[in-house]
Amino acid sequence: MISTSLRRPEQASYAAPLATAIHVSKITHRYGDRFALNEVSFDVPAAEIFGLLGPNGSGKTSLFRILSTLMLPSGGRASIMNSDVATRSNAVRREIGVVFQAQSVDIKLSAAENLTHQGHLYGLRGSALQSRVTEMLSRVGLSDRANDRVETFSGGMQRRVELAKGLLHRPSVLLLDEPTTGLDPGARRDLWKYLNILRDSEGATVMVTTHLMEEAEHCDRLAILNEGNLVALGTPAELKAEIGGDVVVLEATDAPSLAAGIKTRFGLNAVVLGDKVRLEIKSGHRFVTDVVEAFPREITSVSVSKPSIEDVFIARTGHRFWTDDSKGDSN
């Protein structure tokens, strides 16, 4: 169980708006001299699927740990259903269901036994508990496997048991850390279908951390983190619309030289990404013809596409989503 003995420096009391399920205000966290989170702020309304998107090292896992009451922030405030995550952590734990990236089911127990033990942690007993276990196994499509050992389940089925555990006590807010890790594409689709049902039929608020662009597209809104900073916030459609044109990527023999040439010839600012030059422009297919004619020897390949969430990340940060530094840090 989570320890309840955490303390933090005294801070003024506050309350988030009643329509807000999750309130994050200037949350800061440090590991030594390094900022894992740097004054991150946003609100999540009730009955929304909200995504925390970022590469490893972006700060999303640190924020997840703070919101799930596993860790105290160095500064700032956060609340879930108007309960401060640090000063009223027990109240927060009654409101949230948490599904961690690491597996927490006991594979030697049956699905029903896993849920029964989870219910005991929340003080559920007797017929009320058994009724809830039956209901949750039905909701995640495992009624016919209730008495089978979890070790006989596929990865997707085991993940559904995790979800059932997190939802057993009817939380208002469900926190999911990289929920589709290890799942095949079919199981991922099933999980997202269930999250949409949970939002629409139960009115639950869902927060998901992810580093997968295709998962980010499923969220109602996104907070994009990079090196501890909030670099973008909005719906996937809103964020992509900000780019305002096509994304043109030119592979070049000398990318910096080509970018400089494009600046001189067309007055356009381009970003150099390794051996590629990237820029955003309306009617990209027409520009491609002009730029290839202007620099036929420098350009080795061309691509034109509509903006993606990764393009939003590049536009806000000036670098790719994955870098050598981000691959080795899971904060």
Protein backbone atom coordinates (compact mmCIF):
# COMPACT_ATOMS: atom_id res chain seq x y z
CA MET A 1 0.00 0.00 0.00
CA ILE A 2 1.01 3.63 -0.46
CA SER A 3 2.54 5.27 2.58
CA THR A 4 0.48 8.06 4.18
CA SER A 5 3.38 9.61 6.08
CA LEU A 6 4.53 12.00 3.31
CA ARG A 7 4.91 15.62 4.26
CA ARG A 8 5.82 18.76 2.31
CA PRO A 9 6.57 22.40 3.14
CA GLU A 10 3.50 24.31 4.24
CA GLN A 11 1.62 26.04 1.44
CA ALA A 12 -1.50 28.15 1.32
CA SER A 13 -4.76 26.24 0.95
CA TYR A 14 -6.58 26.49 -2.36
CA ALA A 15 -9.44 24.93 -4.24
CA ALA A 16 -9.78 24.13 -7.91
CA PRO A 17 -13.01 24.95 -9.76
CA LEU A 18 -15.75 22.37 -9.18
CA ALA A 19 -15.93 21.55 -12.90
CA THR A 20 -12.25 20.63 -12.85
CA ALA A 21 -11.29 17.04 -12.09
CA ILE A 22 -7.52 17.61 -12.12
CA HIS A 23 -5.89 20.94 -11.36
CA VAL A 24 -2.13 21.44 -11.81
CA SER A 25 -0.64 24.81 -10.90
CA LYS A 26 3.05 25.63 -11.42
CA ILE A 27 4.17 22.14 -10.45
CA THR A 28 7.94 21.97 -10.15
CA HIS A 29 10.14 19.01 -9.32
CA ARG A 30 13.91 18.68 -9.18
CA TYR A 31 16.35 15.82 -9.10
CA GLY A 32 19.39 17.57 -7.70
CA ASP A 33 20.11 20.54 -9.96
CA ARG A 34 17.99 19.23 -12.83
CA PHE A 35 14.37 20.21 -13.36
CA ALA A 36 12.14 17.23 -14.10
CA LEU A 37 9.15 19.60 -14.11
CA ASN A 38 9.33 23.36 -14.49
CA GLU A 39 6.17 25.24 -13.39
CA VAL A 40 3.76 23.03 -15.32
CA SER A 41 0.11 24.19 -15.21
CA PHE A 42 -3.12 22.91 -16.74
CA ASP A 43 -6.68 21.88 -15.84
CA VAL A 44 -8.53 18.73 -16.85
CA PRO A 45 -12.35 18.96 -16.81
CA ALA A 46 -14.51 16.07 -15.72
CA ALA A 47 -15.33 13.33 -18.25
CA GLU A 48 -12.34 13.96 -20.50
CA ILE A 49 -9.57 11.70 -21.79
CA PHE A 50 -6.44 13.75 -21.27
CA GLY A 51 -3.02 12.75 -22.54
CA LEU A 52 0.44 13.53 -21.19
CA LEU A 53 2.67 13.11 -24.23
CA GLY A 54 6.43 13.30 -24.18
CA PRO A 55 9.62 11.37 -24.84
CA ASN A 56 11.52 9.70 -22.02
CA GLY A 57 12.95 12.41 -19.80
CA SER A 58 10.13 14.85 -20.54
CA GLY A 59 8.72 14.79 -16.99
CA LYS A 60 5.45 12.96 -17.63
CA THR A 61 6.27 10.05 -15.29
CA SER A 62 7.29 12.45 -12.52
CA LEU A 63 3.98 14.27 -12.90
CA PHE A 64 2.11 10.96 -12.89
CA ARG A 65 3.81 9.98 -9.62
CA ILE A 66 2.89 13.31 -8.06
CA LEU A 67 -0.76 13.05 -9.09
CA SER A 68 -0.98 9.45 -7.85
CA THR A 69 0.42 10.61 -4.44
CA LEU A 70 3.60 8.55 -4.77
CA MET A 71 5.85 11.60 -4.73
CA LEU A 72 5.76 15.17 -3.46
CA PRO A 73 6.53 18.07 -5.79
CA SER A 74 9.37 20.46 -5.03
CA GLY A 75 6.97 23.33 -5.61
CA GLY A 76 3.55 24.23 -6.92
CA ARG A 77 0.18 22.67 -6.19
CA ALA A 78 -2.05 19.98 -7.64
CA SER A 79 -5.49 18.72 -6.74
CA ILE A 80 -7.81 15.92 -7.83
CA MET A 81 -11.53 16.46 -7.26
CA ASN A 82 -10.62 19.48 -5.12
CA SER A 83 -8.34 17.50 -2.79
CA ASP A 84 -4.71 18.55 -2.61
CA VAL A 85 -2.52 15.62 -3.65
CA ALA A 86 -0.04 16.28 -0.86
CA THR A 87 -2.02 17.62 2.10
CA ARG A 88 -5.10 15.45 1.51
CA SER A 89 -3.50 12.41 -0.07
CA ASN A 90 -5.90 9.92 1.55
CA ALA A 91 -8.88 11.75 0.06
CA VAL A 92 -7.18 11.74 -3.34
CA ARG A 93 -6.57 7.98 -3.15
CA ARG A 94 -10.29 7.42 -2.62
CA GLU A 95 -11.01 9.37 -5.81
CA ILE A 96 -8.43 7.82 -8.12
CA GLY A 97 -7.80 4.49 -9.76
CA VAL A 98 -4.21 3.91 -10.83
CA VAL A 99 -2.84 1.55 -13.46
CA PHE A 100 0.94 1.57 -13.50
CA GLN A 101 3.15 0.66 -16.43
CA ALA A 102 4.66 -2.22 -14.47
CA GLN A 103 2.38 -5.22 -14.02
CA SER A 104 0.71 -5.45 -10.62
CA VAL A 105 -1.52 -8.50 -11.05
CA ASP A 106 -0.62 -11.77 -9.33
CA ILE A 107 -0.43 -14.25 -12.19
CA LYS A 108 -0.80 -17.23 -9.84
CA LEU A 109 -4.24 -16.02 -8.77
CA SER A 110 -7.41 -16.01 -10.83
CA ALA A 111 -8.86 -12.80 -12.25
CA ALA A 112 -11.59 -12.83 -9.60
CA GLU A 113 -9.08 -13.41 -6.79
CA ASN A 114 -6.95 -10.47 -7.97
CA LEU A 115 -9.96 -8.18 -7.84
CA THR A 116 -11.14 -9.56 -4.50
CA HIS A 117 -7.80 -8.79 -2.85
CA GLN A 118 -7.86 -5.30 -4.40
CA GLY A 119 -11.32 -4.76 -2.93
CA HIS A 120 -10.09 -5.69 0.54
CA LEU A 121 -7.54 -2.86 0.33
CA TYR A 122 -10.43 -0.42 -0.13
CA GLY A 123 -12.50 -1.90 2.69
CA LEU A 124 -14.96 -3.77 0.48
CA ARG A 125 -16.35 -7.00 1.90
CA GLY A 126 -19.02 -9.66 1.46
CA SER A 127 -21.74 -9.60 -1.17
CA ALA A 128 -21.06 -5.97 -2.11
CA LEU A 129 -17.49 -6.87 -3.04
CA GLN A 130 -18.46 -10.00 -4.95
CA SER A 131 -21.11 -8.07 -6.86
CA ARG A 132 -18.57 -5.43 -7.81
CA VAL A 133 -15.99 -8.05 -8.89
CA THR A 134 -18.58 -9.71 -11.10
CA GLU A 135 -19.60 -6.36 -12.58
CA MET A 136 -16.04 -5.29 -13.37
CA LEU A 137 -15.04 -8.59 -14.96
CA SER A 138 -18.12 -8.28 -17.16
CA ARG A 139 -17.19 -4.72 -18.13
CA VAL A 140 -13.73 -5.75 -19.30
CA GLY A 141 -15.04 -8.85 -21.06
CA LEU A 142 -13.56 -11.46 -18.75
CA SER A 143 -16.63 -12.99 -17.13
CA ASP A 144 -15.98 -16.36 -18.75
CA ARG A 145 -12.38 -16.36 -17.46
CA ALA A 146 -13.10 -15.17 -13.92
CA ASN A 147 -11.75 -18.30 -12.24
CA ASP A 148 -8.78 -18.87 -14.57
CA ARG A 149 -5.27 -18.07 -13.43
CA VAL A 150 -3.99 -14.81 -14.87
CA GLU A 151 -0.81 -16.56 -16.06
CA THR A 152 -2.96 -18.25 -18.73
CA PHE A 153 -4.09 -14.87 -20.12
CA SER A 154 -2.68 -12.97 -23.08
CA GLY A 155 -0.96 -9.63 -22.48
CA GLY A 156 -4.09 -7.75 -23.50
CA MET A 157 -6.27 -9.76 -21.13
CA GLN A 158 -3.85 -9.20 -18.26
CA ARG A 159 -4.02 -5.48 -18.96
CA ARG A 160 -7.80 -5.67 -18.74
CA VAL A 161 -7.47 -7.24 -15.28
CA GLU A 162 -5.25 -4.28 -14.33
CA LEU A 163 -7.97 -1.90 -15.54
CA ALA A 164 -10.64 -3.76 -13.59
CA LYS A 165 -8.52 -3.47 -10.45
CA GLY A 166 -8.10 0.26 -10.97
CA LEU A 167 -11.85 0.75 -11.46
CA LEU A 168 -13.10 -1.58 -8.73
CA HIS A 169 -13.81 1.15 -6.16
CA ARG A 170 -15.57 3.42 -8.71
CA PRO A 171 -12.93 6.17 -8.90
CA SER A 172 -13.79 9.56 -10.34
CA VAL A 173 -10.38 9.79 -12.01
CA LEU A 174 -8.42 7.01 -13.67
CA LEU A 175 -4.65 7.49 -14.04
CA LEU A 176 -2.93 5.25 -16.59
CA ASP A 177 0.84 5.14 -17.05
CA GLU A 178 1.76 3.90 -20.56
CA PRO A 179 -1.29 1.59 -20.49
CA THR A 180 -0.65 -0.18 -23.81
CA THR A 181 2.93 -1.22 -23.09
CA GLY A 182 3.43 -4.76 -24.38
CA LEU A 183 0.03 -4.96 -26.10
CA ASP A 184 -0.50 -5.96 -29.72
CA PRO A 185 -2.40 -3.54 -32.04
CA GLY A 186 -5.73 -5.32 -31.53
CA ALA A 187 -5.46 -5.14 -27.75
CA ARG A 188 -4.53 -1.47 -27.98
CA ARG A 189 -7.65 -0.72 -30.01
CA ASP A 190 -9.80 -2.61 -27.51
CA LEU A 191 -8.31 -0.67 -24.60
CA TRP A 192 -9.05 2.69 -26.21
CA LYS A 193 -12.59 1.63 -27.05
CA TYR A 194 -13.13 0.78 -23.40
CA LEU A 195 -11.66 4.11 -22.22
CA ASN A 196 -14.13 5.94 -24.46
CA ILE A 197 -17.00 3.89 -23.01
CA LEU A 198 -15.77 4.66 -19.51
CA ARG A 199 -15.75 8.40 -20.26
CA ASP A 200 -19.12 8.42 -22.03
CA SER A 201 -21.16 6.05 -19.85
CA GLU A 202 -19.51 6.52 -16.43
CA GLY A 203 -18.49 10.18 -16.74
CA ALA A 204 -15.00 9.25 -15.58
CA THR A 205 -11.97 11.43 -16.18
CA VAL A 206 -9.01 9.56 -17.66
CA MET A 207 -5.40 10.72 -17.74
CA VAL A 208 -2.98 8.73 -19.87
CA THR A 209 0.78 9.10 -20.14
CA THR A 210 2.20 7.99 -23.47
CA HIS A 211 5.12 8.38 -25.85
CA LEU A 212 3.13 7.01 -28.79
CA MET A 213 1.85 9.53 -31.34
CA GLU A 214 -1.04 7.33 -32.48
CA GLU A 215 -2.29 7.09 -28.90
CA ALA A 216 -2.09 10.85 -28.49
CA GLU A 217 -4.53 11.20 -31.38
CA HIS A 218 -7.18 9.31 -29.34
CA CYS A 219 -7.14 11.84 -26.50
CA ASP A 220 -9.68 14.65 -26.17
CA ARG A 221 -6.85 17.02 -25.23
CA LEU A 222 -3.09 16.79 -24.87
CA ALA A 223 -0.36 18.32 -22.77
CA ILE A 224 2.96 17.91 -24.59
CA LEU A 225 6.01 17.93 -22.31
CA ASN A 226 9.65 18.38 -23.21
CA GLU A 227 12.54 18.49 -20.73
CA GLY A 228 10.15 19.31 -17.90
CA ASN A 229 8.34 22.12 -19.71
CA LEU A 230 4.80 22.26 -21.01
CA VAL A 231 5.31 23.11 -24.70
CA ALA A 232 1.78 22.62 -26.07
CA LEU A 233 -1.76 22.21 -24.75
CA GLY A 234 -4.97 21.61 -26.70
CA THR A 235 -6.94 19.12 -28.75
CA PRO A 236 -4.98 17.16 -31.36
CA ALA A 237 -6.87 19.02 -34.11
CA GLU A 238 -6.16 22.43 -32.58
CA LEU A 239 -2.47 21.70 -32.18
CA LYS A 240 -2.05 20.44 -35.74
CA ALA A 241 -4.02 23.40 -37.13
CA GLU A 242 -1.46 25.79 -35.60
CA ILE A 243 1.12 24.62 -38.13
CA GLY A 244 -1.06 26.04 -40.88
CA GLY A 245 0.18 24.22 -43.95
CA ASP A 246 1.95 21.17 -45.28
CA VAL A 247 5.10 19.71 -43.80
CA VAL A 248 7.92 19.39 -46.33
CA VAL A 249 10.96 17.29 -45.50
CA LEU A 250 13.98 17.40 -47.81
CA GLU A 251 16.82 14.93 -47.47
CA ALA A 252 20.03 16.65 -48.48
CA THR A 253 23.72 16.04 -49.08
CA ASP A 254 24.43 19.09 -46.90
CA ALA A 255 21.38 19.97 -44.83
CA PRO A 256 22.69 23.19 -43.19
CA SER A 257 23.78 24.52 -46.58
CA LEU A 258 20.39 23.70 -48.12
CA ALA A 259 18.54 25.40 -45.25
CA ALA A 260 20.64 28.52 -45.72
CA GLY A 261 19.98 28.43 -49.47
CA ILE A 262 16.23 28.15 -48.92
CA LYS A 263 16.38 31.13 -46.57
CA THR A 264 18.20 33.21 -49.16
CA ARG A 265 16.19 32.10 -52.19
CA PHE A 266 12.66 31.84 -50.74
CA GLY A 267 12.85 33.77 -47.47
CA LEU A 268 11.72 30.69 -45.52
CA ASN A 269 13.08 29.46 -42.19
CA ALA A 270 13.79 25.74 -42.13
CA VAL A 271 14.80 23.39 -39.33
CA VAL A 272 17.80 21.11 -39.81
CA LEU A 273 17.24 17.60 -38.42
CA GLY A 274 20.33 15.51 -39.09
CA ASP A 275 20.61 15.12 -42.85
CA LYS A 276 17.10 16.50 -43.42
CA VAL A 277 15.62 19.96 -43.79
CA ARG A 278 12.06 20.48 -42.52
CA LEU A 279 9.74 23.39 -43.11
CA GLU A 280 6.05 24.23 -42.97
CA ILE A 281 4.39 25.90 -45.95
CA LYS A 282 0.99 26.15 -47.62
CA SER A 283 0.62 24.28 -50.92
CA GLY A 284 3.70 22.21 -50.17
CA HIS A 285 3.42 20.24 -53.43
CA ARG A 286 3.92 23.44 -55.40
CA PHE A 287 6.87 24.54 -53.31
CA VAL A 288 8.54 21.16 -53.81
CA THR A 289 8.69 21.74 -57.56
CA ASP A 290 10.32 25.15 -57.07
CA VAL A 291 12.85 24.02 -54.47
CA VAL A 292 13.95 20.96 -56.44
CA GLU A 293 14.47 23.12 -59.53
CA ALA A 294 16.49 25.60 -57.46
CA PHE A 295 18.66 22.97 -55.71
CA PRO A 296 18.63 19.85 -57.90
CA ARG A 297 22.02 18.53 -56.78
CA GLU A 298 21.60 19.16 -53.05
CA ILE A 299 18.25 17.36 -52.61
CA THR A 300 18.22 13.54 -52.60
CA SER A 301 14.60 12.88 -51.57
CA VAL A 302 11.39 14.78 -50.85
CA SER A 303 8.26 14.14 -48.77
CA VAL A 304 5.12 16.22 -48.33
CA SER A 305 2.54 15.45 -45.61
CA LYS A 306 -0.21 16.97 -43.52
CA PRO A 307 0.84 18.02 -40.00
CA SER A 308 1.05 15.34 -37.31
CA ILE A 309 1.40 15.56 -33.54
CA GLU A 310 5.13 14.92 -33.98
CA ASP A 311 5.29 17.93 -36.30
CA VAL A 312 3.72 19.99 -33.50
CA PHE A 313 6.45 18.77 -31.15
CA ILE A 314 9.19 19.65 -33.65
CA ALA A 315 7.67 23.07 -34.29
CA ARG A 316 7.57 23.84 -30.55
CA THR A 317 10.98 22.41 -29.60
CA GLY A 318 13.14 22.55 -32.74
CA HIS A 319 14.12 18.89 -32.48
CA ARG A 320 12.75 15.41 -33.06
CA PHE A 321 10.54 13.68 -30.52
CA TRP A 322 13.21 11.05 -29.83
CA THR A 323 16.77 12.15 -29.13
CA ASP A 324 19.78 10.26 -27.80
CA ASP A 325 19.36 11.99 -24.45
CA SER A 326 15.66 11.13 -24.09
CA LYS A 327 16.11 7.42 -24.71
CA GLY A 328 17.96 6.84 -21.49
CA ASP A 329 15.75 8.66 -18.98
CA SER A 330 12.27 7.62 -17.94
CA ASN A 331 11.21 10.66 -15.89
